[in-house]
Amino acid sequence: MRTDPSVLHVDLDAFFAAVEQRDKPSLRGKAVVVGGIGLRGVVSTASYEARKYGVRSAMSTAEARSRCPHAAYLGPRFEVYREVSKAVMAQMRALSPLVEPLSLDEAFVDLAAAGLSNLTVDDVEAIANDLKAAIKEASGGLTASVGAGTSKLIAKIASDLDKPDGVVVVPAGTEAEFLAPMQVTVIPGVGPATAQRLSMAGVRTVGDLQQLDQDELIRQVGSAHGSSLHRLATASDDRPVVSDRETKSVSVEDTFETDIIDRALLAAIGDRMAQQVSQRLQKAQLSGRTVTVKTRMHDFTTHTRSSTLAGPTDDPRVIGRMARRLLEDSDISGGIRLLGVGVSSLADWIQDDLFTESEHAAEIPVEVIELPDRPRDRRSAGYYPGQDVVHTEHGEGWVWGSGRGLVTVRFETALTPAGPVRTFAVTDPELTKRALSGGEDDKPGETGQDGPND
């Protein structure tokens, strides 16, 4: 175990929603919800103004609308989020060569790898505040919350305690005391079912959990789970910060605020990721032979499973099918907090007859479930709320709403005051979707959607 709080967990506050508020001045200080905007949509991120009404990540958009009908409901702009994430991660890597990204908006940073030692609480607070200032400047004003401790577990929990824009440093030697008064659900892997079993044994706080010996805990929740909980409850966590940036591969991954145990939902998310990987491969004129599924479990352990094809492919059906097979072999009983799909062993050619048409026809279809990254809807030339557009006369703006052959646009950018609203025909040749830095300006929209409420 470390002798000083040299592990940081950096978590951007309400990341997707914060980027939208940054780029849309009229939404600053107001409730913003980013995710699937259709009837079966799922919330990806909610601003803190929306969270006051009970809106949270992974909630259905329908329920979110019932709780907070006045919020702005926007489709995501992942190319923008990725660019901001790159800028933020660059600031972390400028501090330490050892950064472990968990998703676009959070990462562990190892200060020991930067040659820093004998760190006091004041030292770490100063480092964290300097990093937060650098992130704010690099991202155009976004805030981050930072937790610091002697382990990943402590740093991760600490970063949640003073959100948004806070810093919490847990001194070395106080970890068990720090955890003791917290609800037992703060320990990774303690979901509602496990919490109920522990409650029947009189365990409601981490302090209660610390009083149980390992054998008793195993009797309550099982061998593998019990051993892990016993170790984490006493803050015994020596997992290193490991950079998991892969080379020579194309991959997509996402971290979920709520651990997922629904196989149908995971299969649908895997299918969507396979589509995204395929699009990136095709854009780069590449293909690959090895499909890999990465899962990070409730206790932060990470597993990867791979399967190699007879020849390279960029077909989303093939990638998705292999990913589902790999997922079927994964134990998800404790919940998955991160899922990733990737393709490696890259080539610049494709074996077209890798799978026969009959194999495709025999494949069992997976139910399409609406996910937050792209609205499940008509892939028309229409627009979706939040999308970047440009008009030859009025300049740059974003879609406020669309439907019935019309699109309403608010003309403003991150560098302007709140701007005016204008309505056009969707066929207006002077209005076009604005290309983003990554070139992805063609995310499908859904017609018949109301615009964000002012």
Protein backbone atom coordinates (compact mmCIF):
# COMPACT_ATOMS: atom_id res chain seq x y z
CA MET A 1 0.00 0.00 0.00
CA ARG A 2 1.12 3.56 -0.69
CA THR A 3 2.28 5.81 2.10
CA ASP A 4 0.94 9.06 0.64
CA PRO A 5 -2.20 10.08 -1.28
CA SER A 6 -0.56 9.90 -4.70
CA VAL A 7 -3.50 8.51 -6.71
CA LEU A 8 -5.88 11.07 -8.20
CA HIS A 9 -9.28 10.38 -9.68
CA VAL A 10 -10.35 13.22 -11.97
CA ASP A 11 -14.02 13.37 -12.97
CA LEU A 12 -15.40 16.07 -15.26
CA ASP A 13 -18.67 17.41 -13.87
CA ALA A 14 -21.80 16.47 -15.88
CA PHE A 15 -19.48 16.31 -18.89
CA PHE A 16 -21.79 16.05 -21.92
CA ALA A 17 -24.29 18.54 -20.49
CA ALA A 18 -21.50 20.90 -19.46
CA VAL A 19 -20.10 20.93 -23.01
CA GLU A 20 -23.57 21.75 -24.34
CA GLN A 21 -23.95 24.59 -21.85
CA ARG A 22 -20.49 25.86 -22.79
CA ASP A 23 -21.37 25.95 -26.49
CA LYS A 24 -24.96 27.18 -26.09
CA PRO A 25 -25.04 30.37 -23.98
CA SER A 26 -28.84 30.38 -23.72
CA LEU A 27 -28.66 27.07 -21.79
CA ARG A 28 -26.16 28.15 -19.15
CA GLY A 29 -27.60 27.80 -15.68
CA LYS A 30 -30.58 25.86 -17.03
CA ALA A 31 -31.61 22.20 -16.98
CA VAL A 32 -30.01 20.24 -19.84
CA VAL A 33 -30.42 16.54 -20.59
CA VAL A 34 -28.25 14.79 -23.20
CA GLY A 35 -29.13 11.39 -24.62
CA GLY A 36 -31.66 9.59 -26.76
CA ILE A 37 -34.43 12.06 -27.54
CA GLY A 38 -37.02 9.58 -28.85
CA LEU A 39 -39.82 7.86 -26.96
CA ARG A 40 -37.49 4.96 -26.06
CA GLY A 41 -34.49 7.16 -25.40
CA VAL A 42 -32.13 6.86 -22.44
CA VAL A 43 -30.50 9.72 -20.56
CA SER A 44 -26.74 9.85 -20.99
CA THR A 45 -25.97 12.92 -18.85
CA ALA A 46 -28.03 15.46 -16.95
CA SER A 47 -26.83 18.88 -15.84
CA TYR A 48 -26.87 19.65 -12.14
CA GLU A 49 -29.87 21.90 -12.72
CA ALA A 50 -31.77 18.87 -14.08
CA ARG A 51 -30.52 16.56 -11.33
CA LYS A 52 -32.36 18.68 -8.78
CA TYR A 53 -35.55 17.25 -10.27
CA GLY A 54 -34.38 13.66 -9.97
CA VAL A 55 -33.11 13.22 -13.53
CA ARG A 56 -30.14 10.89 -13.68
CA SER A 57 -28.02 8.93 -16.11
CA ALA A 58 -29.53 5.69 -17.50
CA MET A 59 -33.07 6.89 -16.76
CA SER A 60 -35.53 6.65 -19.63
CA THR A 61 -36.02 9.93 -21.46
CA ALA A 62 -39.77 9.55 -20.97
CA GLU A 63 -39.37 9.51 -17.19
CA ALA A 64 -36.88 12.38 -17.34
CA ARG A 65 -39.39 14.46 -19.31
CA SER A 66 -42.07 13.75 -16.72
CA ARG A 67 -39.77 14.84 -13.90
CA CYS A 68 -38.27 17.85 -15.64
CA PRO A 69 -40.44 18.89 -18.59
CA HIS A 70 -38.81 22.32 -18.86
CA ALA A 71 -35.30 20.93 -19.54
CA ALA A 72 -33.54 21.17 -22.90
CA TYR A 73 -33.38 17.63 -24.35
CA LEU A 74 -30.48 17.35 -26.77
CA GLY A 75 -28.95 14.61 -28.90
CA PRO A 76 -25.25 13.99 -28.21
CA ARG A 77 -22.32 15.39 -30.23
CA PHE A 78 -19.65 12.77 -29.62
CA GLU A 79 -17.03 14.25 -31.91
CA VAL A 80 -17.10 17.44 -29.84
CA TYR A 81 -16.92 15.47 -26.58
CA ARG A 82 -13.96 13.46 -27.87
CA GLU A 83 -12.05 16.61 -28.82
CA VAL A 84 -12.64 18.12 -25.38
CA SER A 85 -11.63 14.84 -23.74
CA LYS A 86 -8.34 14.79 -25.68
CA ALA A 87 -7.53 18.29 -24.47
CA VAL A 88 -8.33 17.36 -20.87
CA MET A 89 -6.35 14.10 -20.96
CA ALA A 90 -3.39 16.02 -22.36
CA GLN A 91 -3.37 18.18 -19.21
CA MET A 92 -3.33 15.07 -17.04
CA ARG A 93 -0.47 13.54 -19.05
CA ALA A 94 1.45 16.79 -18.71
CA LEU A 95 1.29 16.20 -14.94
CA SER A 96 2.12 12.48 -14.97
CA PRO A 97 3.18 9.99 -17.63
CA LEU A 98 0.85 7.42 -16.08
CA VAL A 99 -2.82 8.18 -16.74
CA GLU A 100 -5.54 5.53 -16.84
CA PRO A 101 -8.62 6.80 -18.68
CA LEU A 102 -11.86 5.17 -17.56
CA SER A 103 -14.05 6.98 -20.07
CA LEU A 104 -14.12 10.27 -21.94
CA ASP A 105 -14.67 12.20 -18.73
CA GLU A 106 -12.73 10.45 -15.99
CA ALA A 107 -9.28 9.05 -15.36
CA PHE A 108 -6.82 8.01 -12.67
CA VAL A 109 -3.52 9.91 -12.45
CA ASP A 110 -0.46 8.47 -10.68
CA LEU A 111 1.57 11.22 -9.04
CA ALA A 112 4.25 8.76 -7.97
CA ALA A 113 4.99 8.07 -11.64
CA ALA A 114 5.72 11.78 -12.00
CA GLY A 115 8.52 11.45 -9.44
CA LEU A 116 6.51 13.08 -6.66
CA SER A 117 6.91 11.55 -3.22
CA ASN A 118 6.46 12.41 0.46
CA LEU A 119 3.30 14.25 -0.51
CA THR A 120 1.34 15.99 2.24
CA VAL A 121 -2.37 16.67 2.03
CA ASP A 122 -1.59 20.33 1.31
CA ASP A 123 0.78 19.32 -1.48
CA VAL A 124 -1.83 17.16 -3.16
CA GLU A 125 -4.57 19.78 -2.77
CA ALA A 126 -2.32 22.32 -4.48
CA ILE A 127 -1.52 19.89 -7.30
CA ALA A 128 -5.20 19.04 -7.75
CA ASN A 129 -6.23 22.70 -7.86
CA ASP A 130 -3.52 23.49 -10.41
CA LEU A 131 -4.72 20.56 -12.54
CA LYS A 132 -8.32 21.72 -12.28
CA ALA A 133 -7.31 25.21 -13.43
CA ALA A 134 -5.40 23.74 -16.39
CA ILE A 135 -8.40 21.59 -17.33
CA LYS A 136 -10.75 24.58 -17.11
CA GLU A 137 -8.55 26.61 -19.45
CA ALA A 138 -7.95 23.76 -21.92
CA SER A 139 -11.64 22.82 -22.08
CA GLY A 140 -13.08 26.30 -22.39
CA GLY A 141 -14.47 26.53 -18.88
CA LEU A 142 -15.43 23.02 -17.78
CA THR A 143 -15.00 22.05 -14.15
CA ALA A 144 -13.72 18.80 -12.67
CA SER A 145 -13.91 17.16 -9.27
CA VAL A 146 -10.77 15.48 -7.93
CA GLY A 147 -10.37 12.84 -5.27
CA ALA A 148 -6.99 11.75 -3.95
CA GLY A 149 -5.90 8.85 -1.80
CA THR A 150 -3.53 5.96 -1.42
CA SER A 151 -5.56 3.75 -3.76
CA LYS A 152 -7.93 3.83 -6.70
CA LEU A 153 -10.85 2.93 -4.44
CA ILE A 154 -10.31 5.84 -2.07
CA ALA A 155 -9.59 8.33 -4.85
CA LYS A 156 -12.73 7.32 -6.77
CA ILE A 157 -14.99 7.59 -3.74
CA ALA A 158 -13.39 10.89 -2.68
CA SER A 159 -14.03 12.51 -6.06
CA ASP A 160 -17.79 12.07 -5.57
CA LEU A 161 -17.95 13.80 -2.20
CA ASP A 162 -17.61 17.45 -3.17
CA LYS A 163 -19.22 17.73 -6.59
CA PRO A 164 -19.18 19.83 -8.62
CA ASP A 165 -15.74 21.45 -8.81
CA GLY A 166 -14.38 20.06 -5.54
CA VAL A 167 -11.18 18.54 -4.19
CA VAL A 168 -11.11 15.87 -1.46
CA VAL A 169 -7.80 14.40 -0.26
CA VAL A 170 -7.88 11.44 2.12
CA PRO A 171 -4.73 11.34 4.29
CA ALA A 172 -2.74 8.10 4.35
CA GLY A 173 -3.66 5.90 7.28
CA THR A 174 -7.22 7.20 7.60
CA GLU A 175 -8.82 5.13 4.85
CA ALA A 176 -10.84 2.72 7.00
CA GLU A 177 -12.03 5.57 9.20
CA PHE A 178 -12.94 7.55 6.07
CA LEU A 179 -15.09 4.72 4.73
CA ALA A 180 -16.69 3.57 7.99
CA PRO A 181 -19.69 5.99 8.23
CA MET A 182 -20.64 5.65 4.56
CA GLN A 183 -23.52 3.53 3.31
CA VAL A 184 -22.35 0.08 2.28
CA THR A 185 -23.45 0.80 -1.30
CA VAL A 186 -20.42 3.08 -1.71
CA ILE A 187 -18.31 -0.08 -2.12
CA PRO A 188 -18.12 -1.15 -5.79
CA GLY A 189 -20.24 -4.23 -6.36
CA VAL A 190 -22.75 -3.58 -3.59
CA GLY A 191 -25.95 -3.06 -5.54
CA PRO A 192 -29.54 -3.29 -4.27
CA ALA A 193 -29.59 -7.11 -4.05
CA THR A 194 -26.29 -7.37 -2.16
CA ALA A 195 -27.21 -4.44 0.07
CA GLN A 196 -30.47 -6.21 0.98
CA ARG A 197 -28.66 -9.43 1.89
CA LEU A 198 -26.17 -7.48 3.99
CA SER A 199 -28.96 -5.51 5.65
CA MET A 200 -30.54 -8.78 6.80
CA ALA A 201 -27.25 -9.45 8.58
CA GLY A 202 -27.35 -6.01 10.20
CA VAL A 203 -24.85 -4.45 7.81
CA ARG A 204 -25.83 -1.00 6.58
CA THR A 205 -22.59 1.01 6.69
CA VAL A 206 -19.05 0.21 5.67
CA GLY A 207 -18.19 0.29 9.37
CA ASP A 208 -20.66 -2.54 9.93
CA LEU A 209 -19.06 -4.39 7.03
CA GLN A 210 -15.62 -3.93 8.55
CA GLN A 211 -16.80 -5.74 11.68
CA LEU A 212 -17.62 -8.94 9.79
CA ASP A 213 -14.87 -11.47 9.36
CA GLN A 214 -14.23 -12.76 5.87
CA ASP A 215 -15.81 -16.17 6.49
CA GLU A 216 -19.08 -14.61 7.64
CA LEU A 217 -19.10 -12.25 4.66
CA ILE A 218 -18.55 -15.16 2.28
CA ARG A 219 -21.51 -16.97 3.84
CA GLN A 220 -23.66 -13.92 3.21
CA VAL A 221 -22.74 -13.08 -0.40
CA GLY A 222 -20.63 -15.91 -1.79
CA SER A 223 -16.95 -16.69 -2.07
CA ALA A 224 -15.65 -14.45 -4.85
CA HIS A 225 -17.87 -11.50 -3.98
CA GLY A 226 -17.32 -11.84 -0.24
CA SER A 227 -13.52 -11.86 -0.51
CA SER A 228 -13.58 -8.76 -2.70
CA LEU A 229 -15.94 -6.88 -0.39
CA HIS A 230 -13.89 -7.74 2.68
CA ARG A 231 -10.75 -6.42 1.03
CA LEU A 232 -12.34 -3.20 -0.24
CA ALA A 233 -14.21 -2.49 3.02
CA THR A 234 -10.89 -2.32 4.83
CA ALA A 235 -9.42 -0.14 2.03
CA SER A 236 -7.01 -2.89 1.05
CA ASP A 237 -6.56 -1.93 -2.59
CA ASP A 238 -3.15 -2.17 -4.21
CA ARG A 239 -4.24 -2.08 -7.85
CA PRO A 240 -1.78 -0.02 -9.89
CA VAL A 241 -2.70 2.81 -12.21
CA VAL A 242 -2.28 1.26 -15.66
CA SER A 243 -2.40 3.09 -18.94
CA ASP A 244 -4.68 1.06 -21.19
CA ARG A 245 -4.29 3.02 -24.38
CA GLU A 246 -4.16 0.47 -27.18
CA THR A 247 -2.24 0.89 -30.39
CA LYS A 248 -2.97 -0.49 -33.84
CA SER A 249 -6.64 -0.98 -33.05
CA VAL A 250 -9.98 0.77 -33.45
CA SER A 251 -12.27 0.65 -30.44
CA VAL A 252 -15.24 2.26 -28.72
CA GLU A 253 -16.01 2.09 -25.02
CA ASP A 254 -18.30 3.72 -22.51
CA THR A 255 -18.63 3.84 -18.73
CA PHE A 256 -22.08 3.60 -17.15
CA GLU A 257 -23.01 5.45 -13.96
CA THR A 258 -25.23 2.50 -13.03
CA ASP A 259 -23.74 -1.01 -13.27
CA ILE A 260 -25.58 -3.02 -15.92
CA ILE A 261 -26.64 -6.64 -15.43
CA ASP A 262 -29.22 -6.83 -18.25
CA ARG A 263 -27.76 -9.00 -21.02
CA ALA A 264 -30.22 -7.75 -23.62
CA LEU A 265 -29.22 -4.16 -22.93
CA LEU A 266 -25.52 -5.01 -23.03
CA ALA A 267 -26.03 -6.84 -26.33
CA ALA A 268 -27.76 -3.79 -27.77
CA ILE A 269 -25.00 -1.50 -26.56
CA GLY A 270 -22.42 -3.90 -28.05
CA ASP A 271 -24.26 -3.81 -31.39
CA ARG A 272 -24.23 -0.03 -31.38
CA MET A 273 -20.51 0.00 -30.57
CA ALA A 274 -19.86 -2.46 -33.39
CA GLN A 275 -21.60 -0.05 -35.74
CA GLN A 276 -19.38 2.81 -34.54
CA VAL A 277 -16.20 0.71 -34.85
CA SER A 278 -17.24 -0.31 -38.36
CA GLN A 279 -17.81 3.31 -39.36
CA ARG A 280 -14.35 4.30 -38.12
CA LEU A 281 -12.72 1.37 -39.90
CA GLN A 282 -14.47 2.27 -43.14
CA LYS A 283 -13.58 5.93 -42.79
CA ALA A 284 -9.90 4.95 -42.35
CA GLN A 285 -10.18 2.34 -45.15
CA LEU A 286 -9.11 -0.39 -42.74
CA SER A 287 -10.36 -3.80 -41.66
CA GLY A 288 -9.36 -6.16 -38.87
CA ARG A 289 -9.28 -9.82 -37.92
CA THR A 290 -9.44 -9.75 -34.12
CA VAL A 291 -12.57 -8.63 -32.28
CA THR A 292 -12.12 -7.80 -28.61
CA VAL A 293 -14.70 -7.12 -25.91
CA LYS A 294 -13.51 -5.27 -22.82
CA THR A 295 -15.51 -5.26 -19.60
CA ARG A 296 -14.75 -3.43 -16.38
CA MET A 297 -16.63 -4.98 -13.50
CA HIS A 298 -18.30 -3.51 -10.43
CA ASP A 299 -15.06 -3.86 -8.44
CA PHE A 300 -12.98 -2.18 -11.18
CA THR A 301 -11.36 -5.43 -12.33
CA THR A 302 -10.99 -5.39 -16.11
CA HIS A 303 -11.36 -8.37 -18.44
CA THR A 304 -10.80 -8.68 -22.16
CA ARG A 305 -11.96 -11.49 -24.44
CA SER A 306 -10.89 -11.80 -28.06
CA SER A 307 -11.69 -13.91 -31.07
CA THR A 308 -9.79 -13.94 -34.35
CA LEU A 309 -11.55 -14.33 -37.68
CA ALA A 310 -10.29 -16.18 -40.73
CA GLY A 311 -9.82 -12.87 -42.54
CA PRO A 312 -10.18 -9.15 -41.94
CA THR A 313 -13.56 -7.41 -42.01
CA ASP A 314 -15.19 -4.04 -41.48
CA ASP A 315 -18.73 -5.44 -41.54
CA PRO A 316 -20.74 -4.26 -38.49
CA ARG A 317 -22.82 -7.46 -38.58
CA VAL A 318 -19.72 -9.63 -38.25
CA ILE A 319 -18.16 -7.42 -35.57
CA GLY A 320 -21.44 -7.26 -33.65
CA ARG A 321 -22.01 -11.00 -33.82
CA MET A 322 -18.51 -11.77 -32.53
CA ALA A 323 -18.91 -9.18 -29.75
CA ARG A 324 -22.19 -10.74 -28.63
CA ARG A 325 -20.63 -14.20 -28.53
CA LEU A 326 -17.77 -12.89 -26.41
CA LEU A 327 -20.22 -11.12 -24.10
CA GLU A 328 -22.22 -14.33 -23.66
CA ASP A 329 -19.14 -15.91 -22.09
CA SER A 330 -18.72 -13.07 -19.58
CA ASP A 331 -19.94 -13.26 -15.99
CA ILE A 332 -22.02 -10.11 -15.46
CA SER A 333 -23.74 -11.12 -12.24
CA GLY A 334 -22.00 -8.39 -10.25
CA GLY A 335 -22.70 -5.72 -12.86
CA ILE A 336 -20.62 -4.13 -15.62
CA ARG A 337 -19.58 -0.49 -15.32
CA LEU A 338 -17.67 -0.25 -18.61
CA LEU A 339 -18.08 -1.97 -21.95
CA GLY A 340 -15.83 -1.68 -24.96
CA VAL A 341 -15.70 -3.25 -28.42
CA GLY A 342 -12.58 -3.10 -30.55
CA VAL A 343 -11.00 -4.51 -33.69
CA SER A 344 -7.25 -5.12 -34.08
CA SER A 345 -4.87 -7.02 -36.36
CA LEU A 346 -5.64 -4.32 -38.88
CA ALA A 347 -5.26 -4.56 -42.63
CA ASP A 348 -6.07 -2.37 -45.61
CA TRP A 349 -8.12 -5.03 -47.39
CA ILE A 350 -11.33 -6.97 -46.70
CA GLN A 351 -12.20 -10.62 -47.27
CA ASP A 352 -15.69 -10.17 -48.64
CA ASP A 353 -16.76 -13.80 -48.38
CA LEU A 354 -15.68 -14.25 -44.78
CA PHE A 355 -19.24 -15.23 -43.84
CA THR A 356 -21.82 -16.51 -46.27
CA GLU A 357 -25.22 -14.94 -46.76
CA SER A 358 -26.82 -18.01 -45.21
CA GLU A 359 -24.85 -17.46 -42.02
CA HIS A 360 -26.11 -13.90 -41.87
CA ALA A 361 -29.66 -15.06 -42.46
CA ALA A 362 -29.42 -17.63 -39.69
CA GLU A 363 -28.26 -15.10 -37.16
CA ILE A 364 -30.74 -14.56 -34.34
CA PRO A 365 -31.79 -10.89 -34.35
CA VAL A 366 -31.23 -8.80 -31.24
CA GLU A 367 -33.96 -6.43 -30.13
CA VAL A 368 -33.02 -2.84 -30.89
CA ILE A 369 -33.02 -0.79 -27.69
CA GLU A 370 -32.74 2.99 -27.79
CA LEU A 371 -29.36 4.10 -26.46
CA PRO A 372 -28.01 7.55 -25.63
CA ASP A 373 -25.29 7.77 -28.27
CA ARG A 374 -27.56 7.96 -31.33
CA PRO A 375 -31.33 8.40 -31.46
CA ARG A 376 -33.09 5.32 -32.91
CA ASP A 377 -35.12 6.96 -35.56
CA ARG A 378 -35.63 7.76 -39.21
CA ARG A 379 -32.27 8.31 -40.89
CA SER A 380 -33.63 11.23 -42.83
CA ALA A 381 -31.98 14.42 -43.91
CA GLY A 382 -33.74 16.03 -40.93
CA TYR A 383 -32.24 17.63 -37.87
CA TYR A 384 -32.13 16.74 -34.19
CA PRO A 385 -32.13 19.09 -31.17
CA GLY A 386 -28.62 20.22 -30.24
CA GLN A 387 -27.11 19.61 -33.68
CA ASP A 388 -24.63 22.16 -35.06
CA VAL A 389 -25.76 24.02 -38.18
CA VAL A 390 -24.72 27.05 -40.20
CA HIS A 391 -26.79 29.50 -42.26
CA THR A 392 -25.32 31.59 -45.05
CA GLU A 393 -26.88 34.78 -43.66
CA HIS A 394 -27.26 34.21 -39.92
CA GLY A 395 -24.07 32.23 -39.29
CA GLU A 396 -23.49 29.38 -36.83
CA GLY A 397 -26.10 27.99 -34.49
CA TRP A 398 -27.76 24.84 -33.20
CA VAL A 399 -31.05 23.08 -33.76
CA TRP A 400 -33.65 24.07 -31.19
CA GLY A 401 -36.30 21.72 -32.59
CA SER A 402 -37.63 20.20 -35.79
CA GLY A 403 -40.74 18.61 -37.25
CA ARG A 404 -43.44 18.92 -39.92
CA GLY A 405 -40.90 20.01 -42.52
CA LEU A 406 -39.52 22.84 -40.39
CA VAL A 407 -36.37 23.30 -38.33
CA THR A 408 -35.93 25.95 -35.64
CA VAL A 409 -32.42 27.22 -34.97
CA ARG A 410 -30.91 29.36 -32.25
CA PHE A 411 -27.98 31.32 -33.63
CA GLU A 412 -25.27 31.45 -30.99
CA THR A 413 -21.90 29.91 -30.21
CA ALA A 414 -19.67 29.51 -27.18
CA LEU A 415 -18.14 32.92 -27.95
CA THR A 416 -21.35 34.91 -28.44
CA PRO A 417 -24.20 36.04 -26.20
CA ALA A 418 -27.48 34.14 -26.23
CA GLY A 419 -28.75 34.46 -29.77
CA PRO A 420 -32.00 34.82 -31.71
CA VAL A 421 -34.26 31.97 -32.83
CA ARG A 422 -35.29 31.53 -36.46
CA THR A 423 -37.36 28.88 -38.26
CA PHE A 424 -36.66 27.50 -41.74
CA ALA A 425 -37.87 24.78 -44.07
CA VAL A 426 -35.76 21.64 -43.72
CA THR A 427 -35.05 21.90 -47.43
CA ASP A 428 -33.72 25.46 -47.18
CA PRO A 429 -30.46 25.38 -49.20
CA GLU A 430 -28.93 28.14 -47.07
CA LEU A 431 -29.07 25.99 -43.92
CA THR A 432 -26.61 23.10 -43.63
CA LYS A 433 -25.26 20.84 -40.93
CA ARG A 434 -21.99 22.20 -39.65
CA ALA A 435 -19.00 19.89 -40.01
CA LEU A 436 -17.24 19.24 -36.71
CA SER A 437 -13.52 18.78 -36.22
CA GLY A 438 -13.87 15.02 -36.50
CA GLY A 439 -16.02 15.29 -39.61
CA GLU A 440 -19.04 13.61 -38.01
CA ASP A 441 -21.82 16.02 -38.87
CA ASP A 442 -24.41 13.52 -40.03
CA LYS A 443 -25.82 12.01 -36.86
CA PRO A 444 -29.44 11.16 -37.59
CA GLY A 445 -32.18 13.27 -36.10
CA GLU A 446 -35.75 12.56 -35.17
CA THR A 447 -38.57 14.60 -36.60
CA GLY A 448 -41.55 15.67 -34.56
CA GLN A 449 -39.44 16.61 -31.52
CA ASP A 450 -40.16 19.68 -29.46
CA GLY A 451 -37.33 22.14 -29.04
CA PRO A 452 -35.66 22.85 -25.71
CA ASN A 453 -37.68 25.00 -23.40
CA ASP A 454 -36.33 28.43 -22.64
